[in-house]
Amino acid sequence: MKNLDNLIKQLLKEQHESYMFFSNLEQMDRQCEILLSIPKDDVENILNNGHDWAQDHIAESKNNLDQVFDFMMNEIKGDKFSSDDAIKPQEDIMMEGRKKAGTKLCARGKSAAKAKFDVYPSAYANGYAVQVCKGTKPGLDGKKRCSGAYC
């Protein structure tokens, strides 16, 4: 069975120069399905027990995927398309405590992250900026307060 899988992969690789692009997308799809099947309370408990780095990595991955998605859609459909077209109306509604898709980081968060981290933008810096915007970390003024679309 393994030999058959390897043969199929090899044939696909020979057929498509972009084999890894599609293979990576399929792997991301499988992993997302598995992660989404975990009860949200369990995930929240893990993230709140010192593993908030995972949230930062997901945020950065989403940003990267958004860029590839927008590029591909613009190449296929021209400038008439935007990533907002792919969002269903019920998903576009801002939920309490959640950031609306497509909103930018607040200026307080960006400034605080740039001052704290040597490399900006980065996953860790963006994660810190989000926390400043949400009011869970202090900004440059030393005060914790919600800013921008995170309120």
N, C-alpha and C. Protein backbone atom coordinates (compact mmCIF):
# COMPACT_ATOMS: atom_id res chain seq x y z
N MET A 1 0.83 -1.19 0.00
CA MET A 1 0.00 0.00 0.00
C MET A 1 0.87 1.25 0.00
N LYS A 2 1.98 1.21 0.79
CA LYS A 2 2.88 2.35 0.82
C LYS A 2 3.51 2.60 -0.53
N ASN A 3 3.86 1.52 -1.22
CA ASN A 3 4.46 1.66 -2.54
C ASN A 3 3.50 2.31 -3.52
N LEU A 4 2.21 1.96 -3.42
CA LEU A 4 1.20 2.55 -4.28
C LEU A 4 1.06 4.04 -3.99
N ASP A 5 1.03 4.40 -2.70
CA ASP A 5 0.95 5.81 -2.33
C ASP A 5 2.15 6.59 -2.85
N ASN A 6 3.33 5.99 -2.71
CA ASN A 6 4.54 6.65 -3.21
C ASN A 6 4.51 6.79 -4.72
N LEU A 7 4.00 5.79 -5.41
CA LEU A 7 3.90 5.85 -6.87
C LEU A 7 2.93 6.94 -7.30
N ILE A 8 1.81 7.04 -6.60
CA ILE A 8 0.82 8.08 -6.92
C ILE A 8 1.42 9.47 -6.67
N LYS A 9 2.11 9.62 -5.55
CA LYS A 9 2.75 10.90 -5.26
C LYS A 9 3.78 11.26 -6.32
N GLN A 10 4.55 10.27 -6.74
CA GLN A 10 5.57 10.51 -7.76
C GLN A 10 4.92 10.92 -9.08
N LEU A 11 3.84 10.25 -9.45
CA LEU A 11 3.14 10.60 -10.68
C LEU A 11 2.56 12.01 -10.60
N LEU A 12 1.98 12.33 -9.47
CA LEU A 12 1.45 13.68 -9.29
C LEU A 12 2.56 14.72 -9.36
N LYS A 13 3.69 14.38 -8.77
CA LYS A 13 4.83 15.29 -8.79
C LYS A 13 5.30 15.53 -10.22
N GLU A 14 5.35 14.49 -10.99
CA GLU A 14 5.78 14.63 -12.38
C GLU A 14 4.75 15.39 -13.20
N GLN A 15 3.45 15.19 -12.90
CA GLN A 15 2.40 15.87 -13.65
C GLN A 15 2.33 17.35 -13.33
N HIS A 16 2.56 17.71 -12.10
CA HIS A 16 2.41 19.08 -11.66
C HIS A 16 3.71 19.61 -11.08
N GLU A 17 4.22 20.67 -11.68
CA GLU A 17 5.43 21.27 -11.13
C GLU A 17 5.14 21.87 -9.76
N SER A 18 3.88 22.20 -9.51
CA SER A 18 3.49 22.81 -8.24
C SER A 18 2.97 21.77 -7.26
N TYR A 19 3.49 20.57 -7.32
CA TYR A 19 3.03 19.48 -6.47
C TYR A 19 3.04 19.87 -4.99
N MET A 20 4.13 20.49 -4.54
CA MET A 20 4.25 20.81 -3.12
C MET A 20 3.22 21.86 -2.70
N PHE A 21 2.89 22.77 -3.60
CA PHE A 21 1.87 23.78 -3.28
C PHE A 21 0.56 23.10 -2.92
N PHE A 22 0.13 22.18 -3.77
CA PHE A 22 -1.14 21.48 -3.53
C PHE A 22 -1.03 20.51 -2.36
N SER A 23 0.09 19.86 -2.23
CA SER A 23 0.29 18.93 -1.12
C SER A 23 0.24 19.67 0.21
N ASN A 24 0.88 20.83 0.28
CA ASN A 24 0.86 21.63 1.50
C ASN A 24 -0.54 22.13 1.81
N LEU A 25 -1.28 22.56 0.79
CA LEU A 25 -2.66 23.00 1.01
C LEU A 25 -3.52 21.87 1.55
N GLU A 26 -3.36 20.68 1.00
CA GLU A 26 -4.14 19.53 1.46
C GLU A 26 -3.78 19.17 2.90
N GLN A 27 -2.50 19.24 3.24
CA GLN A 27 -2.09 18.95 4.61
C GLN A 27 -2.66 19.99 5.57
N MET A 28 -2.62 21.27 5.18
CA MET A 28 -3.20 22.32 6.02
C MET A 28 -4.69 22.10 6.22
N ASP A 29 -5.37 21.68 5.16
CA ASP A 29 -6.81 21.41 5.25
C ASP A 29 -7.09 20.29 6.26
N ARG A 30 -6.31 19.20 6.16
CA ARG A 30 -6.49 18.08 7.10
C ARG A 30 -6.23 18.52 8.54
N GLN A 31 -5.15 19.26 8.74
CA GLN A 31 -4.80 19.68 10.09
C GLN A 31 -5.83 20.66 10.65
N CYS A 32 -6.34 21.55 9.81
CA CYS A 32 -7.38 22.48 10.27
C CYS A 32 -8.64 21.74 10.69
N GLU A 33 -9.03 20.75 9.90
CA GLU A 33 -10.21 19.96 10.26
C GLU A 33 -10.03 19.29 11.62
N ILE A 34 -8.85 18.75 11.87
CA ILE A 34 -8.59 18.09 13.15
C ILE A 34 -8.61 19.12 14.29
N LEU A 35 -7.92 20.24 14.10
CA LEU A 35 -7.90 21.27 15.14
C LEU A 35 -9.29 21.82 15.43
N LEU A 36 -10.09 21.99 14.38
CA LEU A 36 -11.45 22.51 14.57
C LEU A 36 -12.37 21.50 15.24
N SER A 37 -11.99 20.23 15.23
CA SER A 37 -12.82 19.22 15.87
C SER A 37 -12.58 19.15 17.39
N ILE A 38 -11.51 19.78 17.87
CA ILE A 38 -11.22 19.80 19.31
C ILE A 38 -12.20 20.77 19.97
N PRO A 39 -12.80 20.38 21.10
CA PRO A 39 -13.72 21.31 21.78
C PRO A 39 -13.03 22.64 22.10
N LYS A 40 -13.75 23.73 21.82
CA LYS A 40 -13.17 25.07 21.98
C LYS A 40 -12.72 25.33 23.41
N ASP A 41 -13.43 24.82 24.39
CA ASP A 41 -13.03 25.02 25.79
C ASP A 41 -11.67 24.38 26.05
N ASP A 42 -11.41 23.22 25.46
CA ASP A 42 -10.12 22.54 25.64
C ASP A 42 -8.99 23.38 25.02
N VAL A 43 -9.26 23.93 23.84
CA VAL A 43 -8.25 24.76 23.17
C VAL A 43 -7.99 26.02 24.00
N GLU A 44 -9.07 26.66 24.47
CA GLU A 44 -8.92 27.86 25.30
C GLU A 44 -8.07 27.58 26.53
N ASN A 45 -8.31 26.45 27.19
CA ASN A 45 -7.54 26.08 28.38
C ASN A 45 -6.05 25.92 28.06
N ILE A 46 -5.76 25.30 26.94
CA ILE A 46 -4.36 25.11 26.52
C ILE A 46 -3.71 26.46 26.25
N LEU A 47 -4.40 27.31 25.47
CA LEU A 47 -3.85 28.61 25.12
C LEU A 47 -3.64 29.48 26.36
N ASN A 48 -4.55 29.39 27.31
CA ASN A 48 -4.47 30.22 28.51
C ASN A 48 -3.47 29.70 29.53
N ASN A 49 -2.93 28.50 29.33
CA ASN A 49 -1.95 27.92 30.25
C ASN A 49 -0.53 28.08 29.72
N GLY A 50 -0.23 29.26 29.19
CA GLY A 50 1.14 29.57 28.77
C GLY A 50 1.49 29.16 27.36
N HIS A 51 0.51 28.80 26.57
CA HIS A 51 0.80 28.39 25.19
C HIS A 51 0.15 29.33 24.19
N ASP A 52 0.15 30.63 24.52
CA ASP A 52 -0.45 31.62 23.62
C ASP A 52 0.38 31.81 22.35
N TRP A 53 1.60 31.28 22.34
CA TRP A 53 2.41 31.33 21.12
C TRP A 53 1.68 30.64 19.96
N ALA A 54 0.86 29.62 20.27
CA ALA A 54 0.15 28.91 19.22
C ALA A 54 -0.83 29.84 18.51
N GLN A 55 -1.46 30.71 19.29
CA GLN A 55 -2.39 31.69 18.70
C GLN A 55 -1.63 32.64 17.77
N ASP A 56 -0.42 33.05 18.17
CA ASP A 56 0.39 33.93 17.33
C ASP A 56 0.75 33.26 16.01
N HIS A 57 1.09 31.98 16.07
CA HIS A 57 1.45 31.26 14.85
C HIS A 57 0.25 31.10 13.91
N ILE A 58 -0.91 30.84 14.48
CA ILE A 58 -2.12 30.73 13.66
C ILE A 58 -2.42 32.07 13.00
N ALA A 59 -2.29 33.17 13.75
CA ALA A 59 -2.55 34.50 13.21
C ALA A 59 -1.60 34.79 12.04
N GLU A 60 -0.33 34.46 12.20
CA GLU A 60 0.64 34.70 11.13
C GLU A 60 0.36 33.81 9.92
N SER A 61 -0.03 32.57 10.17
CA SER A 61 -0.37 31.66 9.08
C SER A 61 -1.57 32.18 8.31
N LYS A 62 -2.56 32.69 9.02
CA LYS A 62 -3.74 33.25 8.38
C LYS A 62 -3.36 34.44 7.50
N ASN A 63 -2.48 35.30 8.02
CA ASN A 63 -2.03 36.45 7.22
C ASN A 63 -1.34 35.98 5.94
N ASN A 64 -0.48 34.99 6.05
CA ASN A 64 0.22 34.47 4.88
C ASN A 64 -0.76 33.85 3.88
N LEU A 65 -1.72 33.08 4.39
CA LEU A 65 -2.70 32.46 3.50
C LEU A 65 -3.57 33.52 2.83
N ASP A 66 -3.94 34.56 3.58
CA ASP A 66 -4.72 35.66 3.00
C ASP A 66 -3.99 36.29 1.82
N GLN A 67 -2.69 36.48 1.96
CA GLN A 67 -1.91 37.10 0.89
C GLN A 67 -1.87 36.22 -0.36
N VAL A 68 -1.65 34.92 -0.16
CA VAL A 68 -1.62 34.00 -1.30
C VAL A 68 -3.01 33.93 -1.94
N PHE A 69 -4.05 33.85 -1.10
CA PHE A 69 -5.42 33.77 -1.59
C PHE A 69 -5.76 35.00 -2.44
N ASP A 70 -5.48 36.19 -1.90
CA ASP A 70 -5.79 37.42 -2.64
C ASP A 70 -5.03 37.47 -3.96
N PHE A 71 -3.75 37.09 -3.92
CA PHE A 71 -2.95 37.08 -5.15
C PHE A 71 -3.56 36.15 -6.19
N MET A 72 -3.88 34.92 -5.77
CA MET A 72 -4.42 33.95 -6.71
C MET A 72 -5.76 34.41 -7.29
N MET A 73 -6.63 34.93 -6.42
CA MET A 73 -7.95 35.38 -6.89
C MET A 73 -7.81 36.56 -7.85
N ASN A 74 -6.88 37.46 -7.57
CA ASN A 74 -6.66 38.58 -8.47
C ASN A 74 -6.09 38.12 -9.81
N GLU A 75 -5.24 37.11 -9.77
CA GLU A 75 -4.70 36.56 -11.02
C GLU A 75 -5.79 35.88 -11.84
N ILE A 76 -6.71 35.22 -11.15
CA ILE A 76 -7.77 34.49 -11.84
C ILE A 76 -8.89 35.41 -12.29
N LYS A 77 -9.35 36.29 -11.38
CA LYS A 77 -10.53 37.11 -11.66
C LYS A 77 -10.21 38.58 -11.90
N GLY A 78 -8.97 38.98 -11.78
CA GLY A 78 -8.63 40.39 -11.96
C GLY A 78 -8.89 41.18 -10.70
N ASP A 79 -8.79 42.48 -10.82
CA ASP A 79 -8.92 43.36 -9.66
C ASP A 79 -10.34 43.47 -9.14
N LYS A 80 -11.31 42.86 -9.81
CA LYS A 80 -12.70 42.92 -9.38
C LYS A 80 -12.93 42.12 -8.11
N PHE A 81 -12.00 41.23 -7.79
CA PHE A 81 -12.18 40.33 -6.66
C PHE A 81 -11.45 40.86 -5.44
N SER A 82 -12.05 40.68 -4.28
CA SER A 82 -11.35 40.94 -3.01
C SER A 82 -11.65 39.78 -2.08
N SER A 83 -10.80 39.60 -1.08
CA SER A 83 -11.00 38.47 -0.15
C SER A 83 -12.32 38.59 0.59
N ASP A 84 -12.88 39.81 0.69
CA ASP A 84 -14.17 39.98 1.34
C ASP A 84 -15.28 39.26 0.58
N ASP A 85 -15.09 39.07 -0.74
CA ASP A 85 -16.10 38.36 -1.53
C ASP A 85 -16.24 36.91 -1.09
N ALA A 86 -15.18 36.35 -0.50
CA ALA A 86 -15.20 34.95 -0.10
C ALA A 86 -15.81 34.75 1.29
N ILE A 87 -16.03 35.85 2.00
CA ILE A 87 -16.58 35.75 3.35
C ILE A 87 -18.09 35.77 3.27
N LYS A 88 -18.71 34.79 3.86
CA LYS A 88 -20.17 34.74 3.88
C LYS A 88 -20.69 35.80 4.84
N PRO A 89 -21.86 36.37 4.56
CA PRO A 89 -22.37 37.45 5.40
C PRO A 89 -22.42 37.12 6.89
N GLN A 90 -22.82 35.90 7.26
CA GLN A 90 -22.90 35.58 8.69
C GLN A 90 -21.52 35.50 9.32
N GLU A 91 -20.48 35.25 8.54
CA GLU A 91 -19.13 35.21 9.09
C GLU A 91 -18.55 36.61 9.21
N ASP A 92 -19.16 37.58 8.52
CA ASP A 92 -18.66 38.94 8.50
C ASP A 92 -19.14 39.75 9.70
N ILE A 93 -20.08 39.20 10.46
CA ILE A 93 -20.61 39.90 11.61
C ILE A 93 -19.59 39.85 12.75
N MET A 94 -19.34 40.99 13.34
CA MET A 94 -18.37 41.05 14.44
C MET A 94 -19.00 40.47 15.69
N MET A 95 -18.34 39.50 16.28
CA MET A 95 -18.83 38.87 17.49
C MET A 95 -18.14 39.50 18.68
N GLU A 96 -18.83 39.52 19.80
CA GLU A 96 -18.27 40.12 21.00
C GLU A 96 -16.98 39.40 21.38
N GLY A 97 -15.92 40.18 21.59
CA GLY A 97 -14.64 39.61 21.99
C GLY A 97 -13.82 39.07 20.84
N ARG A 98 -14.32 39.19 19.64
CA ARG A 98 -13.56 38.69 18.49
C ARG A 98 -13.33 39.81 17.50
N LYS A 99 -12.20 39.76 16.84
CA LYS A 99 -11.84 40.76 15.86
C LYS A 99 -12.52 40.44 14.54
N LYS A 100 -13.10 41.45 13.91
CA LYS A 100 -13.72 41.26 12.60
C LYS A 100 -12.63 40.99 11.57
N ALA A 101 -12.89 40.05 10.66
CA ALA A 101 -11.92 39.70 9.64
C ALA A 101 -11.56 40.93 8.81
N GLY A 102 -10.28 41.12 8.56
CA GLY A 102 -9.84 42.20 7.71
C GLY A 102 -9.51 43.48 8.47
N THR A 103 -9.71 43.55 9.78
CA THR A 103 -9.38 44.77 10.51
C THR A 103 -7.89 44.82 10.77
N LYS A 104 -7.39 46.02 10.93
CA LYS A 104 -5.96 46.23 11.11
C LYS A 104 -5.62 46.28 12.60
N LEU A 105 -4.33 46.11 12.89
CA LEU A 105 -3.85 46.28 14.25
C LEU A 105 -3.98 47.75 14.63
N CYS A 106 -4.24 48.02 15.90
CA CYS A 106 -4.34 49.41 16.34
C CYS A 106 -2.93 50.02 16.39
N ALA A 107 -2.88 51.34 16.32
CA ALA A 107 -1.59 52.05 16.32
C ALA A 107 -0.85 51.83 17.63
N ARG A 108 -1.57 51.79 18.76
CA ARG A 108 -0.94 51.54 20.06
C ARG A 108 -0.22 50.20 20.07
N GLY A 109 -0.90 49.18 19.52
CA GLY A 109 -0.31 47.84 19.49
C GLY A 109 0.93 47.77 18.63
N LYS A 110 0.86 48.38 17.45
CA LYS A 110 2.02 48.38 16.55
C LYS A 110 3.21 49.07 17.19
N SER A 111 2.96 50.24 17.78
CA SER A 111 4.04 51.01 18.41
C SER A 111 4.68 50.22 19.54
N ALA A 112 3.86 49.61 20.38
CA ALA A 112 4.38 48.85 21.51
C ALA A 112 5.19 47.64 21.03
N ALA A 113 4.70 46.98 20.00
CA ALA A 113 5.41 45.81 19.47
C ALA A 113 6.73 46.21 18.84
N LYS A 114 6.74 47.32 18.11
CA LYS A 114 7.99 47.78 17.48
C LYS A 114 9.03 48.15 18.53
N ALA A 115 8.57 48.71 19.65
CA ALA A 115 9.49 49.08 20.73
C ALA A 115 10.01 47.86 21.48
N LYS A 116 9.18 46.82 21.61
CA LYS A 116 9.55 45.66 22.41
C LYS A 116 10.38 44.63 21.64
N PHE A 117 10.12 44.46 20.34
CA PHE A 117 10.77 43.40 19.56
C PHE A 117 11.76 43.99 18.55
N ASP A 118 12.87 43.29 18.38
CA ASP A 118 13.87 43.71 17.40
C ASP A 118 13.36 43.52 15.98
N VAL A 119 12.58 42.48 15.76
CA VAL A 119 12.07 42.19 14.42
C VAL A 119 10.58 42.48 14.39
N TYR A 120 10.19 43.41 13.53
CA TYR A 120 8.77 43.69 13.32
C TYR A 120 8.57 43.91 11.84
N PRO A 121 7.61 43.28 11.21
CA PRO A 121 6.62 42.37 11.79
C PRO A 121 7.17 40.96 11.97
N SER A 122 6.67 40.30 12.97
CA SER A 122 6.95 38.88 13.21
C SER A 122 5.74 38.31 13.93
N ALA A 123 5.66 37.00 14.00
CA ALA A 123 4.51 36.37 14.64
C ALA A 123 4.41 36.79 16.11
N TYR A 124 5.55 36.82 16.80
CA TYR A 124 5.52 37.19 18.21
C TYR A 124 5.16 38.66 18.40
N ALA A 125 5.73 39.52 17.55
CA ALA A 125 5.43 40.95 17.65
C ALA A 125 3.96 41.22 17.35
N ASN A 126 3.43 40.57 16.32
CA ASN A 126 2.01 40.75 15.99
C ASN A 126 1.12 40.24 17.11
N GLY A 127 1.49 39.12 17.70
CA GLY A 127 0.72 38.59 18.82
C GLY A 127 0.71 39.55 20.00
N TYR A 128 1.87 40.16 20.25
CA TYR A 128 1.97 41.13 21.34
C TYR A 128 1.12 42.36 21.01
N ALA A 129 1.19 42.81 19.75
CA ALA A 129 0.41 43.97 19.32
C ALA A 129 -1.08 43.72 19.51
N VAL A 130 -1.53 42.53 19.18
CA VAL A 130 -2.95 42.18 19.35
C VAL A 130 -3.32 42.26 20.83
N GLN A 131 -2.45 41.76 21.69
CA GLN A 131 -2.74 41.80 23.13
C GLN A 131 -2.81 43.24 23.65
N VAL A 132 -1.96 44.12 23.12
CA VAL A 132 -2.03 45.54 23.50
C VAL A 132 -3.34 46.13 23.00
N CYS A 133 -3.71 45.80 21.76
CA CYS A 133 -4.97 46.30 21.20
C CYS A 133 -6.17 45.81 22.01
N LYS A 134 -6.12 44.58 22.49
CA LYS A 134 -7.22 44.03 23.29
C LYS A 134 -7.24 44.57 24.70
N GLY A 135 -6.12 45.14 25.15
CA GLY A 135 -6.05 45.69 26.49
C GLY A 135 -5.55 44.71 27.53
N THR A 136 -5.02 43.56 27.11
CA THR A 136 -4.48 42.59 28.07
C THR A 136 -3.01 42.87 28.40
N LYS A 137 -2.33 43.66 27.57
CA LYS A 137 -0.94 44.08 27.81
C LYS A 137 -0.92 45.61 27.76
N PRO A 138 0.00 46.24 28.50
CA PRO A 138 0.08 47.70 28.47
C PRO A 138 0.74 48.21 27.19
N GLY A 139 0.32 49.38 26.76
CA GLY A 139 0.94 50.05 25.61
C GLY A 139 2.18 50.80 26.06
N LEU A 140 2.70 51.67 25.20
CA LEU A 140 3.89 52.44 25.55
C LEU A 140 3.66 53.37 26.73
N ASP A 141 2.40 53.76 26.92
CA ASP A 141 2.07 54.65 28.05
C ASP A 141 1.94 53.89 29.37
N GLY A 142 2.09 52.57 29.34
CA GLY A 142 2.01 51.76 30.54
C GLY A 142 0.60 51.40 30.98
N LYS A 143 -0.39 51.80 30.19
CA LYS A 143 -1.79 51.55 30.55
C LYS A 143 -2.38 50.46 29.68
N LYS A 144 -3.23 49.66 30.29
CA LYS A 144 -3.96 48.63 29.56
C LYS A 144 -5.32 49.18 29.17
N ARG A 145 -5.60 49.25 27.88
CA ARG A 145 -6.93 49.66 27.44
C ARG A 145 -7.17 49.13 26.04
N CYS A 146 -8.41 48.81 25.78
CA CYS A 146 -8.81 48.27 24.49
C CYS A 146 -8.79 49.39 23.45
N SER A 147 -8.29 49.07 22.25
CA SER A 147 -8.19 50.08 21.18
C SER A 147 -8.62 49.49 19.85
N GLY A 148 -9.08 50.35 18.99
CA GLY A 148 -9.39 49.97 17.61
C GLY A 148 -10.54 49.00 17.53
N ALA A 149 -10.48 48.09 16.57
CA ALA A 149 -11.56 47.15 16.28
C ALA A 149 -11.63 46.01 17.29
N TYR A 150 -10.75 46.01 18.28
CA TYR A 150 -10.71 44.92 19.26
C TYR A 150 -11.66 45.15 20.43
N CYS A 151 -12.27 46.32 20.50
CA CYS A 151 -13.17 46.65 21.61
C CYS A 151 -14.57 46.13 21.38
